[in-house]
């Protein structure tokens, strides 16, 4: 089972929310059509695809420690890992936040 950080990285890559991160992974997987397909088909709407991508990232990191280091560095440069997005029409209240300590009420 991959580390939680790899699941977060996989989720960000699946949404292409962090372009540099996605491109780093795409370059690493360039010579592996199966891994490239995992990257390109991963979507948060299908969490199992994100999990498969996280497992691929874990495997790639174990095979190539320099890639693992570059992946974590790219993630840390992204910031705190919070990525709030809304698309479509929202009917009702929305809260976008990272760390919430206490209650939220409307």
PDB file of N, CA and C in Angstrom:
ATOM      1  N   UNK A   1       0.850  -1.177   0.000  1.00  0.00           N
ATOM      2  CA  UNK A   1       0.000   0.000   0.000  1.00  0.00           C
ATOM      3  C   UNK A   1       0.899   1.244   0.000  1.00  0.00           C
ATOM      4  N   UNK A   2       0.653   2.170  -0.915  1.00  0.00           N
ATOM      5  CA  UNK A   2       1.471   3.381  -0.982  1.00  0.00           C
ATOM      6  C   UNK A   2       1.222   4.313   0.202  1.00  0.00           C
ATOM      7  N   UNK A   3       2.223   5.125   0.470  1.00  0.00           N
ATOM      8  CA  UNK A   3       2.105   6.126   1.536  1.00  0.00           C
ATOM      9  C   UNK A   3       0.991   7.117   1.190  1.00  0.00           C
ATOM     10  N   UNK A   4       0.358   7.695   2.223  1.00  0.00           N
ATOM     11  CA  UNK A   4      -0.704   8.685   1.960  1.00  0.00           C
ATOM     12  C   UNK A   4      -0.243   9.854   1.084  1.00  0.00           C
ATOM     13  N   UNK A   5       1.007  10.269   1.227  1.00  0.00           N
ATOM     14  CA  UNK A   5       1.486  11.388   0.400  1.00  0.00           C
ATOM     15  C   UNK A   5       1.459  11.014  -1.075  1.00  0.00           C
ATOM     16  N   UNK A   6       1.737   9.745  -1.389  1.00  0.00           N
ATOM     17  CA  UNK A   6       1.698   9.324  -2.781  1.00  0.00           C
ATOM     18  C   UNK A   6       0.273   9.304  -3.322  1.00  0.00           C
ATOM     19  N   UNK A   7      -0.680   9.013  -2.472  1.00  0.00           N
ATOM     20  CA  UNK A   7      -2.083   9.081  -2.888  1.00  0.00           C
ATOM     21  C   UNK A   7      -2.454  10.537  -3.173  1.00  0.00           C
ATOM     22  N   UNK A   8      -1.981  11.460  -2.338  1.00  0.00           N
ATOM     23  CA  UNK A   8      -2.240  12.887  -2.574  1.00  0.00           C
ATOM     24  C   UNK A   8      -1.586  13.347  -3.868  1.00  0.00           C
ATOM     25  N   UNK A   9      -0.354  12.920  -4.089  1.00  0.00           N
ATOM     26  CA  UNK A   9       0.349  13.282  -5.323  1.00  0.00           C
ATOM     27  C   UNK A   9      -0.383  12.696  -6.523  1.00  0.00           C
ATOM     28  N   UNK A  10      -0.813  11.448  -6.418  1.00  0.00           N
ATOM     29  CA  UNK A  10      -1.545  10.807  -7.509  1.00  0.00           C
ATOM     30  C   UNK A  10      -2.844  11.545  -7.803  1.00  0.00           C
ATOM     31  N   UNK A  11      -3.533  11.985  -6.770  1.00  0.00           N
ATOM     32  CA  UNK A  11      -4.775  12.735  -6.954  1.00  0.00           C
ATOM     33  C   UNK A  11      -4.501  14.044  -7.680  1.00  0.00           C
ATOM     34  N   UNK A  12      -3.463  14.752  -7.260  1.00  0.00           N
ATOM     35  CA  UNK A  12      -3.110  16.016  -7.920  1.00  0.00           C
ATOM     36  C   UNK A  12      -2.727  15.768  -9.375  1.00  0.00           C
ATOM     37  N   UNK A  13      -1.995  14.697  -9.628  1.00  0.00           N
ATOM     38  CA  UNK A  13      -1.608  14.375 -11.002  1.00  0.00           C
ATOM     39  C   UNK A  13      -2.834  14.003 -11.832  1.00  0.00           C
ATOM     40  N   UNK A  14      -3.760  13.268 -11.240  1.00  0.00           N
ATOM     41  CA  UNK A  14      -4.964  12.850 -11.958  1.00  0.00           C
ATOM     42  C   UNK A  14      -5.810  14.039 -12.382  1.00  0.00           C
ATOM     43  N   UNK A  15      -5.817  15.082 -11.579  1.00  0.00           N
ATOM     44  CA  UNK A  15      -6.598  16.277 -11.924  1.00  0.00           C
ATOM     45  C   UNK A  15      -5.787  17.265 -12.749  1.00  0.00           C
ATOM     46  N   UNK A  16      -4.496  16.974 -12.885  1.00  0.00           N
ATOM     47  CA  UNK A  16      -3.560  17.876 -13.567  1.00  0.00           C
ATOM     48  C   UNK A  16      -3.551  19.248 -12.898  1.00  0.00           C
ATOM     49  N   UNK A  17      -3.850  19.247 -11.600  1.00  0.00           N
ATOM     50  CA  UNK A  17      -3.912  20.496 -10.844  1.00  0.00           C
ATOM     51  C   UNK A  17      -2.533  21.105 -10.652  1.00  0.00           C
ATOM     52  N   UNK A  18      -1.516  20.282 -10.653  1.00  0.00           N
ATOM     53  CA  UNK A  18      -0.139  20.753 -10.480  1.00  0.00           C
ATOM     54  C   UNK A  18       0.608  20.329 -11.737  1.00  0.00           C
ATOM     55  N   UNK A  19       0.640  21.203 -12.725  1.00  0.00           N
ATOM     56  CA  UNK A  19       1.159  20.849 -14.041  1.00  0.00           C
ATOM     57  C   UNK A  19       2.588  20.329 -13.983  1.00  0.00           C
ATOM     58  N   UNK A  20       3.460  20.960 -13.233  1.00  0.00           N
ATOM     59  CA  UNK A  20       4.850  20.505 -13.147  1.00  0.00           C
ATOM     60  C   UNK A  20       4.955  19.098 -12.600  1.00  0.00           C
ATOM     61  N   UNK A  21       4.120  18.778 -11.648  1.00  0.00           N
ATOM     62  CA  UNK A  21       4.091  17.446 -11.058  1.00  0.00           C
ATOM     63  C   UNK A  21       3.633  16.421 -12.094  1.00  0.00           C
ATOM     64  N   UNK A  22       2.579  16.737 -12.800  1.00  0.00           N
ATOM     65  CA  UNK A  22       2.078  15.850 -13.849  1.00  0.00           C
ATOM     66  C   UNK A  22       3.154  15.604 -14.904  1.00  0.00           C
ATOM     67  N   UNK A  23       3.817  16.668 -15.326  1.00  0.00           N
ATOM     68  CA  UNK A  23       4.852  16.550 -16.361  1.00  0.00           C
ATOM     69  C   UNK A  23       6.038  15.715 -15.875  1.00  0.00           C
ATOM     70  N   UNK A  24       6.422  15.864 -14.620  1.00  0.00           N
ATOM     71  CA  UNK A  24       7.507  15.056 -14.039  1.00  0.00           C
ATOM     72  C   UNK A  24       7.151  13.573 -14.112  1.00  0.00           C
ATOM     73  N   UNK A  25       5.936  13.240 -13.727  1.00  0.00           N
ATOM     74  CA  UNK A  25       5.494  11.841 -13.752  1.00  0.00           C
ATOM     75  C   UNK A  25       5.403  11.344 -15.188  1.00  0.00           C
ATOM     76  N   UNK A  26       4.880  12.164 -16.058  1.00  0.00           N
ATOM     77  CA  UNK A  26       4.747  11.784 -17.468  1.00  0.00           C
ATOM     78  C   UNK A  26       6.116  11.479 -18.079  1.00  0.00           C
ATOM     79  N   UNK A  27       7.114  12.303 -17.756  1.00  0.00           N
ATOM     80  CA  UNK A  27       8.471  12.053 -18.261  1.00  0.00           C
ATOM     81  C   UNK A  27       9.017  10.734 -17.724  1.00  0.00           C
ATOM     82  N   UNK A  28       8.783  10.469 -16.435  1.00  0.00           N
ATOM     83  CA  UNK A  28       9.290   9.235 -15.818  1.00  0.00           C
ATOM     84  C   UNK A  28       8.634   8.007 -16.437  1.00  0.00           C
ATOM     85  N   UNK A  29       7.369   8.115 -16.785  1.00  0.00           N
ATOM     86  CA  UNK A  29       6.625   6.986 -17.341  1.00  0.00           C
ATOM     87  C   UNK A  29       6.734   6.895 -18.868  1.00  0.00           C
ATOM     88  N   UNK A  30       7.464   7.817 -19.498  1.00  0.00           N
ATOM     89  CA  UNK A  30       7.491   7.917 -20.967  1.00  0.00           C
ATOM     90  C   UNK A  30       7.867   6.619 -21.669  1.00  0.00           C
ATOM     91  N   UNK A  31       8.761   5.851 -21.105  1.00  0.00           N
ATOM     92  CA  UNK A  31       9.200   4.607 -21.741  1.00  0.00           C
ATOM     93  C   UNK A  31       8.366   3.404 -21.334  1.00  0.00           C
ATOM     94  N   UNK A  32       7.296   3.632 -20.612  1.00  0.00           N
ATOM     95  CA  UNK A  32       6.444   2.543 -20.125  1.00  0.00           C
ATOM     96  C   UNK A  32       4.995   2.850 -20.508  1.00  0.00           C
ATOM     97  N   UNK A  33       4.549   2.307 -21.640  1.00  0.00           N
ATOM     98  CA  UNK A  33       3.187   2.613 -22.107  1.00  0.00           C
ATOM     99  C   UNK A  33       2.099   2.244 -21.089  1.00  0.00           C
ATOM    100  N   UNK A  34       2.307   1.182 -20.345  1.00  0.00           N
ATOM    101  CA  UNK A  34       1.306   0.774 -19.355  1.00  0.00           C
ATOM    102  C   UNK A  34       1.216   1.794 -18.220  1.00  0.00           C
ATOM    103  N   UNK A  35       2.367   2.260 -17.736  1.00  0.00           N
ATOM    104  CA  UNK A  35       2.381   3.274 -16.674  1.00  0.00           C
ATOM    105  C   UNK A  35       1.816   4.590 -17.193  1.00  0.00           C
ATOM    106  N   UNK A  36       2.131   4.933 -18.432  1.00  0.00           N
ATOM    107  CA  UNK A  36       1.586   6.153 -19.030  1.00  0.00           C
ATOM    108  C   UNK A  36       0.063   6.074 -19.103  1.00  0.00           C
ATOM    109  N   UNK A  37      -0.451   4.915 -19.470  1.00  0.00           N
ATOM    110  CA  UNK A  37      -1.904   4.729 -19.525  1.00  0.00           C
ATOM    111  C   UNK A  37      -2.528   4.879 -18.137  1.00  0.00           C
ATOM    112  N   UNK A  38      -1.843   4.382 -17.110  1.00  0.00           N
ATOM    113  CA  UNK A  38      -2.339   4.532 -15.731  1.00  0.00           C
ATOM    114  C   UNK A  38      -2.429   6.012 -15.380  1.00  0.00           C
ATOM    115  N   UNK A  39      -1.390   6.777 -15.722  1.00  0.00           N
ATOM    116  CA  UNK A  39      -1.385   8.216 -15.448  1.00  0.00           C
ATOM    117  C   UNK A  39      -2.520   8.913 -16.194  1.00  0.00           C
ATOM    118  N   UNK A  40      -2.658   8.617 -17.459  1.00  0.00           N
ATOM    119  CA  UNK A  40      -3.633   9.327 -18.289  1.00  0.00           C
ATOM    120  C   UNK A  40      -5.086   8.962 -17.986  1.00  0.00           C
ATOM    121  N   UNK A  41      -5.310   7.792 -17.424  1.00  0.00           N
ATOM    122  CA  UNK A  41      -6.687   7.387 -17.132  1.00  0.00           C
ATOM    123  C   UNK A  41      -7.083   7.611 -15.671  1.00  0.00           C
ATOM    124  N   UNK A  42      -6.135   8.007 -14.841  1.00  0.00           N
ATOM    125  CA  UNK A  42      -6.453   8.258 -13.425  1.00  0.00           C
ATOM    126  C   UNK A  42      -7.373   9.456 -13.306  1.00  0.00           C
ATOM    127  N   UNK A  43      -8.415   9.301 -12.490  1.00  0.00           N
ATOM    128  CA  UNK A  43      -9.371  10.380 -12.275  1.00  0.00           C
ATOM    129  C   UNK A  43      -9.943  10.271 -10.868  1.00  0.00           C
ATOM    130  N   UNK A  44     -10.102  11.392 -10.182  1.00  0.00           N
ATOM    131  CA  UNK A  44     -10.681  11.357  -8.835  1.00  0.00           C
ATOM    132  C   UNK A  44     -12.098  10.785  -8.807  1.00  0.00           C
ATOM    133  N   UNK A  45     -12.794  10.831  -9.926  1.00  0.00           N
ATOM    134  CA  UNK A  45     -14.142  10.271  -9.984  1.00  0.00           C
ATOM    135  C   UNK A  45     -14.122   8.748  -9.869  1.00  0.00           C
ATOM    136  N   UNK A  46     -12.962   8.145 -10.107  1.00  0.00           N
ATOM    137  CA  UNK A  46     -12.767   6.701  -9.967  1.00  0.00           C
ATOM    138  C   UNK A  46     -11.561   6.494  -9.043  1.00  0.00           C
ATOM    139  N   UNK A  47     -11.783   6.561  -7.738  1.00  0.00           N
ATOM    140  CA  UNK A  47     -10.671   6.503  -6.780  1.00  0.00           C
ATOM    141  C   UNK A  47      -9.756   5.302  -6.951  1.00  0.00           C
ATOM    142  N   UNK A  48     -10.274   4.211  -7.474  1.00  0.00           N
ATOM    143  CA  UNK A  48      -9.419   3.041  -7.676  1.00  0.00           C
ATOM    144  C   UNK A  48      -8.326   3.330  -8.700  1.00  0.00           C
ATOM    145  N   UNK A  49      -8.589   4.217  -9.668  1.00  0.00           N
ATOM    146  CA  UNK A  49      -7.566   4.568 -10.652  1.00  0.00           C
ATOM    147  C   UNK A  49      -6.477   5.422 -10.024  1.00  0.00           C
ATOM    148  N   UNK A  50      -6.848   6.249  -9.071  1.00  0.00           N
ATOM    149  CA  UNK A  50      -5.867   7.063  -8.347  1.00  0.00           C
ATOM    150  C   UNK A  50      -4.988   6.153  -7.486  1.00  0.00           C
ATOM    151  N   UNK A  51      -5.604   5.155  -6.877  1.00  0.00           N
ATOM    152  CA  UNK A  51      -4.855   4.200  -6.055  1.00  0.00           C
ATOM    153  C   UNK A  51      -3.848   3.434  -6.910  1.00  0.00           C
ATOM    154  N   UNK A  52      -4.239   3.027  -8.104  1.00  0.00           N
ATOM    155  CA  UNK A  52      -3.322   2.327  -9.006  1.00  0.00           C
ATOM    156  C   UNK A  52      -2.166   3.248  -9.382  1.00  0.00           C
ATOM    157  N   UNK A  53      -2.457   4.516  -9.643  1.00  0.00           N
ATOM    158  CA  UNK A  53      -1.401   5.476  -9.956  1.00  0.00           C
ATOM    159  C   UNK A  53      -0.462   5.643  -8.763  1.00  0.00           C
ATOM    160  N   UNK A  54      -0.999   5.749  -7.569  1.00  0.00           N
ATOM    161  CA  UNK A  54      -0.169   5.875  -6.366  1.00  0.00           C
ATOM    162  C   UNK A  54       0.747   4.657  -6.222  1.00  0.00           C
ATOM    163  N   UNK A  55       0.222   3.481  -6.515  1.00  0.00           N
ATOM    164  CA  UNK A  55       1.043   2.267  -6.451  1.00  0.00           C
ATOM    165  C   UNK A  55       2.157   2.309  -7.493  1.00  0.00           C
ATOM    166  N   UNK A  56       1.854   2.812  -8.678  1.00  0.00           N
ATOM    167  CA  UNK A  56       2.879   2.957  -9.725  1.00  0.00           C
ATOM    168  C   UNK A  56       3.947   3.955  -9.296  1.00  0.00           C
ATOM    169  N   UNK A  57       3.527   5.043  -8.666  1.00  0.00           N
ATOM    170  CA  UNK A  57       4.492   6.037  -8.173  1.00  0.00           C
ATOM    171  C   UNK A  57       5.380   5.427  -7.099  1.00  0.00           C
ATOM    172  N   UNK A  58       4.786   4.634  -6.228  1.00  0.00           N
ATOM    173  CA  UNK A  58       5.547   3.958  -5.183  1.00  0.00           C
ATOM    174  C   UNK A  58       6.584   3.028  -5.806  1.00  0.00           C
ATOM    175  N   UNK A  59       6.167   2.251  -6.769  1.00  0.00           N
ATOM    176  CA  UNK A  59       7.074   1.324  -7.447  1.00  0.00           C
ATOM    177  C   UNK A  59       8.196   2.087  -8.158  1.00  0.00           C
ATOM    178  N   UNK A  60       7.840   3.150  -8.871  1.00  0.00           N
ATOM    179  CA  UNK A  60       8.837   3.940  -9.590  1.00  0.00           C
ATOM    180  C   UNK A  60       9.831   4.577  -8.622  1.00  0.00           C
ATOM    181  N   UNK A  61       9.329   5.024  -7.482  1.00  0.00           N
ATOM    182  CA  UNK A  61      10.210   5.635  -6.482  1.00  0.00           C
ATOM    183  C   UNK A  61      11.172   4.632  -5.866  1.00  0.00           C
ATOM    184  N   UNK A  62      10.705   3.402  -5.664  1.00  0.00           N
ATOM    185  CA  UNK A  62      11.599   2.360  -5.131  1.00  0.00           C
ATOM    186  C   UNK A  62      12.658   1.973  -6.159  1.00  0.00           C
ATOM    187  N   UNK A  63      12.285   1.984  -7.430  1.00  0.00           N
ATOM    188  CA  UNK A  63      13.227   1.651  -8.502  1.00  0.00           C
ATOM    189  C   UNK A  63      14.208   2.787  -8.768  1.00  0.00           C
ATOM    190  N   UNK A  64      13.779   4.000  -8.544  1.00  0.00           N
ATOM    191  CA  UNK A  64      14.584   5.178  -8.865  1.00  0.00           C
ATOM    192  C   UNK A  64      14.478   6.199  -7.728  1.00  0.00           C
ATOM    193  N   UNK A  65      15.366   6.102  -6.738  1.00  0.00           N
ATOM    194  CA  UNK A  65      15.301   7.027  -5.600  1.00  0.00           C
ATOM    195  C   UNK A  65      15.413   8.502  -6.001  1.00  0.00           C
ATOM    196  N   UNK A  66      16.098   8.785  -7.104  1.00  0.00           N
ATOM    197  CA  UNK A  66      16.193  10.180  -7.541  1.00  0.00           C
ATOM    198  C   UNK A  66      14.835  10.689  -8.014  1.00  0.00           C
ATOM    199  N   UNK A  67      14.070   9.825  -8.658  1.00  0.00           N
ATOM    200  CA  UNK A  67      12.710  10.202  -9.045  1.00  0.00           C
ATOM    201  C   UNK A  67      11.854  10.433  -7.806  1.00  0.00           C
ATOM    202  N   UNK A  68      11.971   9.545  -6.826  1.00  0.00           N
ATOM    203  CA  UNK A  68      11.199   9.695  -5.584  1.00  0.00           C
ATOM    204  C   UNK A  68      11.507  11.029  -4.929  1.00  0.00           C
ATOM    205  N   UNK A  69      12.776  11.392  -4.912  1.00  0.00           N
ATOM    206  CA  UNK A  69      13.188  12.675  -4.322  1.00  0.00           C
ATOM    207  C   UNK A  69      12.634  13.843  -5.135  1.00  0.00           C
ATOM    208  N   UNK A  70      12.728  13.760  -6.459  1.00  0.00           N
ATOM    209  CA  UNK A  70      12.212  14.829  -7.321  1.00  0.00           C
ATOM    210  C   UNK A  70      10.701  14.969  -7.179  1.00  0.00           C
ATOM    211  N   UNK A  71      10.006  13.843  -7.041  1.00  0.00           N
ATOM    212  CA  UNK A  71       8.555  13.855  -6.883  1.00  0.00           C
ATOM    213  C   UNK A  71       8.161  14.577  -5.596  1.00  0.00           C
ATOM    214  N   UNK A  72       8.827  14.238  -4.522  1.00  0.00           N
ATOM    215  CA  UNK A  72       8.526  14.878  -3.233  1.00  0.00           C
ATOM    216  C   UNK A  72       8.910  16.357  -3.239  1.00  0.00           C
ATOM    217  N   UNK A  73       9.992  16.679  -3.919  1.00  0.00           N
ATOM    218  CA  UNK A  73      10.401  18.082  -4.021  1.00  0.00           C
ATOM    219  C   UNK A  73       9.364  18.877  -4.822  1.00  0.00           C
ATOM    220  N   UNK A  74       8.912  18.320  -5.920  1.00  0.00           N
ATOM    221  CA  UNK A  74       7.882  18.999  -6.725  1.00  0.00           C
ATOM    222  C   UNK A  74       6.613  19.186  -5.910  1.00  0.00           C
ATOM    223  N   UNK A  75       6.261  18.192  -5.108  1.00  0.00           N
ATOM    224  CA  UNK A  75       5.060  18.283  -4.265  1.00  0.00           C
ATOM    225  C   UNK A  75       5.235  19.374  -3.219  1.00  0.00           C
ATOM    226  N   UNK A  76       6.419  19.439  -2.603  1.00  0.00           N
ATOM    227  CA  UNK A  76       6.642  20.453  -1.558  1.00  0.00           C
ATOM    228  C   UNK A  76       6.647  21.857  -2.147  1.00  0.00           C
ATOM    229  N   UNK A  77       7.087  22.006  -3.376  1.00  0.00           N
ATOM    230  CA  UNK A  77       7.078  23.324  -4.017  1.00  0.00           C
ATOM    231  C   UNK A  77       5.656  23.760  -4.369  1.00  0.00           C
ATOM    232  N   UNK A  78       4.773  22.786  -4.494  1.00  0.00           N
ATOM    233  CA  UNK A  78       3.373  23.093  -4.783  1.00  0.00           C
ATOM    234  C   UNK A  78       2.738  23.847  -3.624  1.00  0.00           C
ATOM    235  N   UNK A  79       3.270  23.648  -2.459  1.00  0.00           N
ATOM    236  CA  UNK A  79       2.714  24.320  -1.287  1.00  0.00           C
ATOM    237  C   UNK A  79       2.315  23.305  -0.254  1.00  0.00           C
ATOM    238  N   UNK A  80       1.216  23.534   0.376  1.00  0.00           N
ATOM    239  CA  UNK A  80       0.796  22.698   1.494  1.00  0.00           C
ATOM    240  C   UNK A  80      -0.033  21.496   1.074  1.00  0.00           C
ATOM    241  N   UNK A  81      -0.209  21.303  -0.217  1.00  0.00           N
ATOM    242  CA  UNK A  81      -0.991  20.171  -0.673  1.00  0.00           C
ATOM    243  C   UNK A  81      -2.479  20.452  -0.766  1.00  0.00           C
ATOM    244  N   UNK A  82      -2.920  21.608  -0.319  1.00  0.00           N
ATOM    245  CA  UNK A  82      -4.343  21.939  -0.420  1.00  0.00           C
ATOM    246  C   UNK A  82      -4.642  22.367  -1.853  1.00  0.00           C
ATOM    247  N   UNK A  83      -5.704  21.854  -2.389  1.00  0.00           N
ATOM    248  CA  UNK A  83      -6.097  22.209  -3.740  1.00  0.00           C
ATOM    249  C   UNK A  83      -7.617  22.224  -3.796  1.00  0.00           C
ATOM    250  N   UNK A  84      -8.196  23.387  -3.694  1.00  0.00           N
ATOM    251  CA  UNK A  84      -9.650  23.524  -3.707  1.00  0.00           C
ATOM    252  C   UNK A  84     -10.103  23.924  -5.098  1.00  0.00           C
ATOM    253  N   UNK A  85     -11.046  23.179  -5.638  1.00  0.00           N
ATOM    254  CA  UNK A  85     -11.585  23.500  -6.951  1.00  0.00           C
ATOM    255  C   UNK A  85     -13.092  23.303  -6.937  1.00  0.00           C
ATOM    256  N   UNK A  86     -13.764  24.161  -7.666  1.00  0.00           N
ATOM    257  CA  UNK A  86     -15.206  24.016  -7.868  1.00  0.00           C
ATOM    258  C   UNK A  86     -15.445  24.178  -9.357  1.00  0.00           C
ATOM    259  N   UNK A  87     -16.234  23.292  -9.907  1.00  0.00           N
ATOM    260  CA  UNK A  87     -16.621  23.460 -11.302  1.00  0.00           C
ATOM    261  C   UNK A  87     -18.112  23.190 -11.416  1.00  0.00           C
ATOM    262  N   UNK A  88     -18.711  23.806 -12.371  1.00  0.00           N
ATOM    263  CA  UNK A  88     -20.144  23.632 -12.538  1.00  0.00           C
ATOM    264  C   UNK A  88     -20.923  24.614 -11.688  1.00  0.00           C
ATOM    265  N   UNK A  89     -22.193  24.398 -11.622  1.00  0.00           N
ATOM    266  CA  UNK A  89     -23.090  25.267 -10.863  1.00  0.00           C
ATOM    267  C   UNK A  89     -23.215  24.745  -9.443  1.00  0.00           C
ATOM    268  N   UNK A  90     -23.068  25.630  -8.496  1.00  0.00           N
ATOM    269  CA  UNK A  90     -23.200  25.271  -7.087  1.00  0.00           C
ATOM    270  C   UNK A  90     -24.550  25.767  -6.592  1.00  0.00           C
ATOM    271  N   UNK A  91     -25.307  24.885  -6.019  1.00  0.00           N
ATOM    272  CA  UNK A  91     -26.594  25.239  -5.432  1.00  0.00           C
ATOM    273  C   UNK A  91     -26.466  25.043  -3.926  1.00  0.00           C
ATOM    274  N   UNK A  92     -26.209  26.102  -3.224  1.00  0.00           N
ATOM    275  CA  UNK A  92     -26.030  25.990  -1.777  1.00  0.00           C
ATOM    276  C   UNK A  92     -24.703  26.578  -1.348  1.00  0.00           C
ATOM    277  N   UNK A  93     -24.311  26.262  -0.157  1.00  0.00           N
ATOM    278  CA  UNK A  93     -23.097  26.819   0.424  1.00  0.00           C
ATOM    279  C   UNK A  93     -21.875  25.979   0.067  1.00  0.00           C
ATOM    280  N   UNK A  94     -20.746  26.649  -0.019  1.00  0.00           N
ATOM    281  CA  UNK A  94     -19.476  25.982  -0.296  1.00  0.00           C
ATOM    282  C   UNK A  94     -18.426  26.549   0.642  1.00  0.00           C
ATOM    283  N   UNK A  95     -17.603  25.683   1.169  1.00  0.00           N
ATOM    284  CA  UNK A  95     -16.454  26.109   1.964  1.00  0.00           C
ATOM    285  C   UNK A  95     -15.224  25.499   1.329  1.00  0.00           C
ATOM    286  N   UNK A  96     -14.241  26.332   1.056  1.00  0.00           N
ATOM    287  CA  UNK A  96     -12.950  25.841   0.601  1.00  0.00           C
ATOM    288  C   UNK A  96     -11.956  26.161   1.698  1.00  0.00           C
ATOM    289  N   UNK A  97     -11.295  25.146   2.186  1.00  0.00           N
ATOM    290  CA  UNK A  97     -10.398  25.351   3.312  1.00  0.00           C
ATOM    291  C   UNK A  97      -9.330  24.279   3.330  1.00  0.00           C
ATOM    292  N   UNK A  98      -8.311  24.513   4.093  1.00  0.00           N
ATOM    293  CA  UNK A  98      -7.290  23.495   4.303  1.00  0.00           C
ATOM    294  C   UNK A  98      -7.465  22.911   5.688  1.00  0.00           C
ATOM    295  N   UNK A  99      -7.028  23.617   6.692  1.00  0.00           N
ATOM    296  CA  UNK A  99      -7.136  23.143   8.065  1.00  0.00           C
ATOM    297  C   UNK A  99      -8.250  23.908   8.769  1.00  0.00           C
ATOM    298  N   UNK A 100      -9.189  23.182   9.280  1.00  0.00           N
ATOM    299  CA  UNK A 100     -10.295  23.800  10.017  1.00  0.00           C
ATOM    300  C   UNK A 100     -10.246  23.239  11.427  1.00  0.00           C
ATOM    301  N   UNK A 101     -10.159  24.130  12.371  1.00  0.00           N
ATOM    302  CA  UNK A 101     -10.169  23.734  13.784  1.00  0.00           C
ATOM    303  C   UNK A 101     -11.397  24.375  14.403  1.00  0.00           C
ATOM    304  N   UNK A 102     -12.417  23.577  14.604  1.00  0.00           N
ATOM    305  CA  UNK A 102     -13.667  24.117  15.125  1.00  0.00           C
ATOM    306  C   UNK A 102     -14.778  23.914  14.128  1.00  0.00           C
ATOM    307  N   UNK A 103     -15.866  24.578  14.363  1.00  0.00           N
ATOM    308  CA  UNK A 103     -17.069  24.401  13.541  1.00  0.00           C
ATOM    309  C   UNK A 103     -17.130  25.418  12.418  1.00  0.00           C
ATOM    310  N   UNK A 104     -17.888  25.053  11.403  1.00  0.00           N
ATOM    311  CA  UNK A 104     -18.231  25.960  10.317  1.00  0.00           C
ATOM    312  C   UNK A 104     -19.757  25.988  10.277  1.00  0.00           C
ATOM    313  N   UNK A 105     -20.311  27.176  10.229  1.00  0.00           N
ATOM    314  CA  UNK A 105     -21.767  27.270  10.134  1.00  0.00           C
ATOM    315  C   UNK A 105     -22.111  28.370   9.154  1.00  0.00           C
ATOM    316  N   UNK A 106     -23.308  28.260   8.587  1.00  0.00           N
ATOM    317  CA  UNK A 106     -23.785  29.259   7.634  1.00  0.00           C
ATOM    318  C   UNK A 106     -25.026  29.918   8.176  1.00  0.00           C
TER     319      UNK A 106
END
